[in-house]
Amino acid sequence: MKFVAQFVHCLLWLSVAMSPTLLFTIIGLVLVYSSEGQMGEFTVPVMTLIGFVLGAMWAERVRKTVGLSNFFGRLVGMRNG
């Protein structure tokens, strides 16, 4: 049972870390496709790496302060207006 709990905990951590990663990947794609000249072939991977590093820092902050389960519980339990 402990394995399942650790697996769920890792998935929660990854879901927090993936939000900025996806955002920065999209920003990198927009930069590459909107530029007239060559932006370089490393723009998207660098932006993705920056997003993952920021996401990992955010996920660790959430894990240490609020807790991942509590964080997602608050997000799901929020009522609109």
PDB file of N, CA and C in Angstrom:
ATOM      1  N   MET A   1       0.814  -1.187   0.000  1.00  0.00           N
ATOM      2  CA  MET A   1       0.000   0.000   0.000  1.00  0.00           C
ATOM      3  C   MET A   1       0.868   1.265   0.000  1.00  0.00           C
ATOM      4  N   LYS A   2       2.043   1.173   0.618  1.00  0.00           N
ATOM      5  CA  LYS A   2       2.930   2.328   0.649  1.00  0.00           C
ATOM      6  C   LYS A   2       3.418   2.681  -0.758  1.00  0.00           C
ATOM      7  N   PHE A   3       3.597   1.661  -1.594  1.00  0.00           N
ATOM      8  CA  PHE A   3       4.022   1.902  -2.973  1.00  0.00           C
ATOM      9  C   PHE A   3       2.975   2.727  -3.725  1.00  0.00           C
ATOM     10  N   VAL A   4       1.715   2.388  -3.535  1.00  0.00           N
ATOM     11  CA  VAL A   4       0.641   3.113  -4.207  1.00  0.00           C
ATOM     12  C   VAL A   4       0.598   4.567  -3.726  1.00  0.00           C
ATOM     13  N   ALA A   5       0.778   4.774  -2.439  1.00  0.00           N
ATOM     14  CA  ALA A   5       0.774   6.131  -1.890  1.00  0.00           C
ATOM     15  C   ALA A   5       1.935   6.949  -2.454  1.00  0.00           C
ATOM     16  N   GLN A   6       3.108   6.358  -2.548  1.00  0.00           N
ATOM     17  CA  GLN A   6       4.263   7.052  -3.119  1.00  0.00           C
ATOM     18  C   GLN A   6       4.044   7.368  -4.600  1.00  0.00           C
ATOM     19  N   PHE A   7       3.418   6.427  -5.308  1.00  0.00           N
ATOM     20  CA  PHE A   7       3.136   6.632  -6.725  1.00  0.00           C
ATOM     21  C   PHE A   7       2.172   7.801  -6.922  1.00  0.00           C
ATOM     22  N   VAL A   8       1.127   7.849  -6.123  1.00  0.00           N
ATOM     23  CA  VAL A   8       0.158   8.952  -6.210  1.00  0.00           C
ATOM     24  C   VAL A   8       0.829  10.272  -5.840  1.00  0.00           C
ATOM     25  N   HIS A   9       1.680  10.245  -4.830  1.00  0.00           N
ATOM     26  CA  HIS A   9       2.409  11.445  -4.417  1.00  0.00           C
ATOM     27  C   HIS A   9       3.300  11.954  -5.554  1.00  0.00           C
ATOM     28  N   CYS A  10       3.977  11.056  -6.252  1.00  0.00           N
ATOM     29  CA  CYS A  10       4.819  11.444  -7.393  1.00  0.00           C
ATOM     30  C   CYS A  10       3.984  12.024  -8.527  1.00  0.00           C
ATOM     31  N   LEU A  11       2.816  11.446  -8.777  1.00  0.00           N
ATOM     32  CA  LEU A  11       1.946  11.979  -9.816  1.00  0.00           C
ATOM     33  C   LEU A  11       1.432  13.368  -9.472  1.00  0.00           C
ATOM     34  N   LEU A  12       1.117  13.593  -8.206  1.00  0.00           N
ATOM     35  CA  LEU A  12       0.685  14.924  -7.783  1.00  0.00           C
ATOM     36  C   LEU A  12       1.811  15.931  -7.950  1.00  0.00           C
ATOM     37  N   TRP A  13       3.019  15.545  -7.574  1.00  0.00           N
ATOM     38  CA  TRP A  13       4.177  16.433  -7.717  1.00  0.00           C
ATOM     39  C   TRP A  13       4.407  16.766  -9.186  1.00  0.00           C
ATOM     40  N   LEU A  14       4.339  15.746 -10.046  1.00  0.00           N
ATOM     41  CA  LEU A  14       4.552  15.979 -11.470  1.00  0.00           C
ATOM     42  C   LEU A  14       3.467  16.859 -12.071  1.00  0.00           C
ATOM     43  N   SER A  15       2.239  16.718 -11.598  1.00  0.00           N
ATOM     44  CA  SER A  15       1.175  17.546 -12.155  1.00  0.00           C
ATOM     45  C   SER A  15       1.358  19.010 -11.784  1.00  0.00           C
ATOM     46  N   VAL A  16       1.896  19.286 -10.604  1.00  0.00           N
ATOM     47  CA  VAL A  16       2.197  20.676 -10.241  1.00  0.00           C
ATOM     48  C   VAL A  16       3.377  21.179 -11.066  1.00  0.00           C
ATOM     49  N   ALA A  17       4.384  20.355 -11.246  1.00  0.00           N
ATOM     50  CA  ALA A  17       5.581  20.778 -11.975  1.00  0.00           C
ATOM     51  C   ALA A  17       5.335  20.925 -13.472  1.00  0.00           C
ATOM     52  N   MET A  18       4.354  20.218 -14.010  1.00  0.00           N
ATOM     53  CA  MET A  18       4.116  20.260 -15.447  1.00  0.00           C
ATOM     54  C   MET A  18       3.372  21.516 -15.905  1.00  0.00           C
ATOM     55  N   SER A  19       2.702  22.196 -15.019  1.00  0.00           N
ATOM     56  CA  SER A  19       1.967  23.406 -15.431  1.00  0.00           C
ATOM     57  C   SER A  19       2.906  24.465 -16.003  1.00  0.00           C
ATOM     58  N   PRO A  20       3.935  24.888 -15.281  1.00  0.00           N
ATOM     59  CA  PRO A  20       4.869  25.864 -15.865  1.00  0.00           C
ATOM     60  C   PRO A  20       5.661  25.289 -17.043  1.00  0.00           C
ATOM     61  N   THR A  21       5.913  23.982 -17.017  1.00  0.00           N
ATOM     62  CA  THR A  21       6.655  23.363 -18.111  1.00  0.00           C
ATOM     63  C   THR A  21       5.880  23.498 -19.418  1.00  0.00           C
ATOM     64  N   LEU A  22       4.598  23.193 -19.378  1.00  0.00           N
ATOM     65  CA  LEU A  22       3.787  23.327 -20.584  1.00  0.00           C
ATOM     66  C   LEU A  22       3.669  24.776 -21.029  1.00  0.00           C
ATOM     67  N   LEU A  23       3.518  25.672 -20.071  1.00  0.00           N
ATOM     68  CA  LEU A  23       3.417  27.094 -20.403  1.00  0.00           C
ATOM     69  C   LEU A  23       4.683  27.584 -21.103  1.00  0.00           C
ATOM     70  N   PHE A  24       5.846  27.253 -20.563  1.00  0.00           N
ATOM     71  CA  PHE A  24       7.093  27.708 -21.160  1.00  0.00           C
ATOM     72  C   PHE A  24       7.378  27.005 -22.487  1.00  0.00           C
ATOM     73  N   THR A  25       6.921  25.773 -22.663  1.00  0.00           N
ATOM     74  CA  THR A  25       7.066  25.098 -23.949  1.00  0.00           C
ATOM     75  C   THR A  25       6.247  25.806 -25.011  1.00  0.00           C
ATOM     76  N   ILE A  26       5.030  26.192 -24.662  1.00  0.00           N
ATOM     77  CA  ILE A  26       4.188  26.922 -25.612  1.00  0.00           C
ATOM     78  C   ILE A  26       4.808  28.272 -25.951  1.00  0.00           C
ATOM     79  N   ILE A  27       5.343  28.954 -24.956  1.00  0.00           N
ATOM     80  CA  ILE A  27       6.019  30.229 -25.214  1.00  0.00           C
ATOM     81  C   ILE A  27       7.208  30.027 -26.149  1.00  0.00           C
ATOM     82  N   GLY A  28       7.978  28.972 -25.940  1.00  0.00           N
ATOM     83  CA  GLY A  28       9.108  28.672 -26.821  1.00  0.00           C
ATOM     84  C   GLY A  28       8.671  28.385 -28.245  1.00  0.00           C
ATOM     85  N   LEU A  29       7.565  27.646 -28.404  1.00  0.00           N
ATOM     86  CA  LEU A  29       7.047  27.371 -29.746  1.00  0.00           C
ATOM     87  C   LEU A  29       6.571  28.642 -30.431  1.00  0.00           C
ATOM     88  N   VAL A  30       5.922  29.510 -29.683  1.00  0.00           N
ATOM     89  CA  VAL A  30       5.471  30.781 -30.256  1.00  0.00           C
ATOM     90  C   VAL A  30       6.671  31.622 -30.674  1.00  0.00           C
ATOM     91  N   LEU A  31       7.708  31.640 -29.867  1.00  0.00           N
ATOM     92  CA  LEU A  31       8.911  32.402 -30.226  1.00  0.00           C
ATOM     93  C   LEU A  31       9.553  31.872 -31.496  1.00  0.00           C
ATOM     94  N   VAL A  32       9.600  30.564 -31.647  1.00  0.00           N
ATOM     95  CA  VAL A  32      10.242  29.979 -32.829  1.00  0.00           C
ATOM     96  C   VAL A  32       9.416  30.250 -34.076  1.00  0.00           C
ATOM     97  N   TYR A  33       8.110  30.066 -33.978  1.00  0.00           N
ATOM     98  CA  TYR A  33       7.276  30.210 -35.170  1.00  0.00           C
ATOM     99  C   TYR A  33       6.956  31.661 -35.527  1.00  0.00           C
ATOM    100  N   SER A  34       7.074  32.570 -34.587  1.00  0.00           N
ATOM    101  CA  SER A  34       6.771  33.963 -34.902  1.00  0.00           C
ATOM    102  C   SER A  34       7.988  34.757 -35.358  1.00  0.00           C
ATOM    103  N   SER A  35       9.159  34.201 -35.233  1.00  0.00           N
ATOM    104  CA  SER A  35      10.359  34.941 -35.605  1.00  0.00           C
ATOM    105  C   SER A  35      10.630  34.790 -37.101  1.00  0.00           C
ATOM    106  N   GLU A  36      11.126  35.847 -37.686  1.00  0.00           N
ATOM    107  CA  GLU A  36      11.450  35.845 -39.117  1.00  0.00           C
ATOM    108  C   GLU A  36      12.757  35.097 -39.365  1.00  0.00           C
ATOM    109  N   GLY A  37      13.734  35.359 -38.537  1.00  0.00           N
ATOM    110  CA  GLY A  37      15.030  34.706 -38.700  1.00  0.00           C
ATOM    111  C   GLY A  37      15.087  33.409 -37.911  1.00  0.00           C
ATOM    112  N   GLN A  38      16.280  32.893 -37.812  1.00  0.00           N
ATOM    113  CA  GLN A  38      16.446  31.660 -37.060  1.00  0.00           C
ATOM    114  C   GLN A  38      16.603  31.981 -35.578  1.00  0.00           C
ATOM    115  N   MET A  39      15.760  31.387 -34.780  1.00  0.00           N
ATOM    116  CA  MET A  39      15.864  31.551 -33.333  1.00  0.00           C
ATOM    117  C   MET A  39      16.836  30.542 -32.738  1.00  0.00           C
ATOM    118  N   GLY A  40      17.161  29.534 -33.474  1.00  0.00           N
ATOM    119  CA  GLY A  40      18.031  28.501 -32.966  1.00  0.00           C
ATOM    120  C   GLY A  40      17.231  27.252 -32.676  1.00  0.00           C
ATOM    121  N   GLU A  41      17.888  26.148 -32.783  1.00  0.00           N
ATOM    122  CA  GLU A  41      17.199  24.877 -32.580  1.00  0.00           C
ATOM    123  C   GLU A  41      17.053  24.514 -31.107  1.00  0.00           C
ATOM    124  N   PHE A  42      17.660  25.297 -30.234  1.00  0.00           N
ATOM    125  CA  PHE A  42      17.605  24.972 -28.817  1.00  0.00           C
ATOM    126  C   PHE A  42      16.614  25.835 -28.043  1.00  0.00           C
ATOM    127  N   THR A  43      15.841  26.649 -28.728  1.00  0.00           N
ATOM    128  CA  THR A  43      14.929  27.556 -28.033  1.00  0.00           C
ATOM    129  C   THR A  43      13.857  26.790 -27.261  1.00  0.00           C
ATOM    130  N   VAL A  44      13.203  25.857 -27.925  1.00  0.00           N
ATOM    131  CA  VAL A  44      12.126  25.111 -27.263  1.00  0.00           C
ATOM    132  C   VAL A  44      12.669  24.237 -26.135  1.00  0.00           C
ATOM    133  N   PRO A  45      13.750  23.473 -26.332  1.00  0.00           N
ATOM    134  CA  PRO A  45      14.257  22.693 -25.196  1.00  0.00           C
ATOM    135  C   PRO A  45      14.727  23.549 -24.017  1.00  0.00           C
ATOM    136  N   VAL A  46      15.323  24.703 -24.299  1.00  0.00           N
ATOM    137  CA  VAL A  46      15.779  25.576 -23.216  1.00  0.00           C
ATOM    138  C   VAL A  46      14.583  26.144 -22.457  1.00  0.00           C
ATOM    139  N   MET A  47      13.566  26.582 -23.195  1.00  0.00           N
ATOM    140  CA  MET A  47      12.368  27.106 -22.533  1.00  0.00           C
ATOM    141  C   MET A  47      11.667  26.013 -21.724  1.00  0.00           C
ATOM    142  N   THR A  48      11.642  24.794 -22.252  1.00  0.00           N
ATOM    143  CA  THR A  48      11.040  23.677 -21.520  1.00  0.00           C
ATOM    144  C   THR A  48      11.825  23.395 -20.247  1.00  0.00           C
ATOM    145  N   LEU A  49      13.127  23.425 -20.328  1.00  0.00           N
ATOM    146  CA  LEU A  49      13.954  23.194 -19.144  1.00  0.00           C
ATOM    147  C   LEU A  49      13.740  24.284 -18.095  1.00  0.00           C
ATOM    148  N   ILE A  50      13.671  25.528 -18.537  1.00  0.00           N
ATOM    149  CA  ILE A  50      13.409  26.630 -17.598  1.00  0.00           C
ATOM    150  C   ILE A  50      12.056  26.437 -16.925  1.00  0.00           C
ATOM    151  N   GLY A  51      11.055  26.050 -17.711  1.00  0.00           N
ATOM    152  CA  GLY A  51       9.733  25.814 -17.157  1.00  0.00           C
ATOM    153  C   GLY A  51       9.720  24.671 -16.164  1.00  0.00           C
ATOM    154  N   PHE A  52      10.459  23.603 -16.455  1.00  0.00           N
ATOM    155  CA  PHE A  52      10.488  22.472 -15.526  1.00  0.00           C
ATOM    156  C   PHE A  52      11.212  22.829 -14.234  1.00  0.00           C
ATOM    157  N   VAL A  53      12.282  23.587 -14.333  1.00  0.00           N
ATOM    158  CA  VAL A  53      13.004  24.005 -13.120  1.00  0.00           C
ATOM    159  C   VAL A  53      12.108  24.877 -12.246  1.00  0.00           C
ATOM    160  N   LEU A  54      11.426  25.843 -12.872  1.00  0.00           N
ATOM    161  CA  LEU A  54      10.501  26.684 -12.100  1.00  0.00           C
ATOM    162  C   LEU A  54       9.353  25.862 -11.526  1.00  0.00           C
ATOM    163  N   GLY A  55       8.851  24.911 -12.312  1.00  0.00           N
ATOM    164  CA  GLY A  55       7.779  24.042 -11.837  1.00  0.00           C
ATOM    165  C   GLY A  55       8.214  23.153 -10.689  1.00  0.00           C
ATOM    166  N   ALA A  56       9.440  22.655 -10.763  1.00  0.00           N
ATOM    167  CA  ALA A  56       9.954  21.822  -9.678  1.00  0.00           C
ATOM    168  C   ALA A  56      10.120  22.635  -8.396  1.00  0.00           C
ATOM    169  N   MET A  57      10.574  23.876  -8.549  1.00  0.00           N
ATOM    170  CA  MET A  57      10.699  24.733  -7.363  1.00  0.00           C
ATOM    171  C   MET A  57       9.326  25.019  -6.760  1.00  0.00           C
ATOM    172  N   TRP A  58       8.333  25.262  -7.610  1.00  0.00           N
ATOM    173  CA  TRP A  58       6.983  25.525  -7.134  1.00  0.00           C
ATOM    174  C   TRP A  58       6.383  24.279  -6.476  1.00  0.00           C
ATOM    175  N   ALA A  59       6.599  23.105  -7.084  1.00  0.00           N
ATOM    176  CA  ALA A  59       6.070  21.862  -6.524  1.00  0.00           C
ATOM    177  C   ALA A  59       6.695  21.568  -5.159  1.00  0.00           C
ATOM    178  N   GLU A  60       7.969  21.833  -5.016  1.00  0.00           N
ATOM    179  CA  GLU A  60       8.617  21.613  -3.726  1.00  0.00           C
ATOM    180  C   GLU A  60       8.112  22.590  -2.674  1.00  0.00           C
ATOM    181  N   ARG A  61       7.871  23.830  -3.073  1.00  0.00           N
ATOM    182  CA  ARG A  61       7.328  24.807  -2.131  1.00  0.00           C
ATOM    183  C   ARG A  61       5.931  24.382  -1.666  1.00  0.00           C
ATOM    184  N   VAL A  62       5.104  23.931  -2.614  1.00  0.00           N
ATOM    185  CA  VAL A  62       3.758  23.471  -2.255  1.00  0.00           C
ATOM    186  C   VAL A  62       3.850  22.253  -1.347  1.00  0.00           C
ATOM    187  N   ARG A  63       4.747  21.314  -1.682  1.00  0.00           N
ATOM    188  CA  ARG A  63       4.882  20.086  -0.897  1.00  0.00           C
ATOM    189  C   ARG A  63       5.315  20.393   0.538  1.00  0.00           C
ATOM    190  N   LYS A  64       6.237  21.331   0.693  1.00  0.00           N
ATOM    191  CA  LYS A  64       6.759  21.632   2.031  1.00  0.00           C
ATOM    192  C   LYS A  64       5.824  22.495   2.861  1.00  0.00           C
ATOM    193  N   THR A  65       5.077  23.380   2.237  1.00  0.00           N
ATOM    194  CA  THR A  65       4.242  24.305   3.013  1.00  0.00           C
ATOM    195  C   THR A  65       2.828  23.772   3.210  1.00  0.00           C
ATOM    196  N   VAL A  66       2.113  23.530   2.128  1.00  0.00           N
ATOM    197  CA  VAL A  66       0.701  23.154   2.223  1.00  0.00           C
ATOM    198  C   VAL A  66       0.520  21.648   2.182  1.00  0.00           C
ATOM    199  N   GLY A  67       1.297  20.981   1.378  1.00  0.00           N
ATOM    200  CA  GLY A  67       1.114  19.558   1.128  1.00  0.00           C
ATOM    201  C   GLY A  67       0.394  19.380  -0.202  1.00  0.00           C
ATOM    202  N   LEU A  68       0.834  18.409  -0.978  1.00  0.00           N
ATOM    203  CA  LEU A  68       0.279  18.235  -2.316  1.00  0.00           C
ATOM    204  C   LEU A  68      -1.179  17.804  -2.291  1.00  0.00           C
ATOM    205  N   SER A  69      -1.526  16.878  -1.420  1.00  0.00           N
ATOM    206  CA  SER A  69      -2.911  16.413  -1.345  1.00  0.00           C
ATOM    207  C   SER A  69      -3.835  17.532  -0.896  1.00  0.00           C
ATOM    208  N   ASN A  70      -3.398  18.288   0.097  1.00  0.00           N
ATOM    209  CA  ASN A  70      -4.193  19.414   0.585  1.00  0.00           C
ATOM    210  C   ASN A  70      -4.337  20.482  -0.491  1.00  0.00           C
ATOM    211  N   PHE A  71      -3.275  20.731  -1.243  1.00  0.00           N
ATOM    212  CA  PHE A  71      -3.295  21.716  -2.321  1.00  0.00           C
ATOM    213  C   PHE A  71      -4.333  21.351  -3.377  1.00  0.00           C
ATOM    214  N   PHE A  72      -4.308  20.094  -3.831  1.00  0.00           N
ATOM    215  CA  PHE A  72      -5.273  19.674  -4.837  1.00  0.00           C
ATOM    216  C   PHE A  72      -6.672  19.567  -4.263  1.00  0.00           C
ATOM    217  N   GLY A  73      -6.789  19.231  -2.996  1.00  0.00           N
ATOM    218  CA  GLY A  73      -8.094  19.216  -2.353  1.00  0.00           C
ATOM    219  C   GLY A  73      -8.722  20.598  -2.324  1.00  0.00           C
ATOM    220  N   ARG A  74      -7.909  21.600  -2.064  1.00  0.00           N
ATOM    221  CA  ARG A  74      -8.413  22.976  -2.082  1.00  0.00           C
ATOM    222  C   ARG A  74      -8.811  23.399  -3.488  1.00  0.00           C
ATOM    223  N   LEU A  75      -8.046  22.988  -4.497  1.00  0.00           N
ATOM    224  CA  LEU A  75      -8.387  23.345  -5.867  1.00  0.00           C
ATOM    225  C   LEU A  75      -9.696  22.700  -6.309  1.00  0.00           C
ATOM    226  N   VAL A  76      -9.878  21.444  -5.980  1.00  0.00           N
ATOM    227  CA  VAL A  76     -11.091  20.738  -6.394  1.00  0.00           C
ATOM    228  C   VAL A  76     -12.283  21.211  -5.603  1.00  0.00           C
ATOM    229  N   GLY A  77     -12.088  21.542  -4.345  1.00  0.00           N
ATOM    230  CA  GLY A  77     -13.194  21.933  -3.484  1.00  0.00           C
ATOM    231  C   GLY A  77     -13.622  23.381  -3.601  1.00  0.00           C
ATOM    232  N   MET A  78     -12.936  24.169  -4.452  1.00  0.00           N
ATOM    233  CA  MET A  78     -13.287  25.577  -4.587  1.00  0.00           C
ATOM    234  C   MET A  78     -14.618  25.744  -5.294  1.00  0.00           C
ATOM    235  N   ARG A  79     -15.437  26.616  -4.757  1.00  0.00           N
ATOM    236  CA  ARG A  79     -16.722  26.892  -5.397  1.00  0.00           C
ATOM    237  C   ARG A  79     -16.652  28.220  -6.128  1.00  0.00           C
ATOM    238  N   ASN A  80     -17.345  28.276  -7.229  1.00  0.00           N
ATOM    239  CA  ASN A  80     -17.399  29.522  -8.011  1.00  0.00           C
ATOM    240  C   ASN A  80     -18.568  30.374  -7.533  1.00  0.00           C
ATOM    241  N   GLY A  81     -18.275  31.638  -7.250  1.00  0.00           N
ATOM    242  CA  GLY A  81     -19.244  32.653  -6.935  1.00  0.00           C
ATOM    243  C   GLY A  81     -20.259  32.298  -5.991  1.00  0.00           C
TER     244      GLY A  81
END
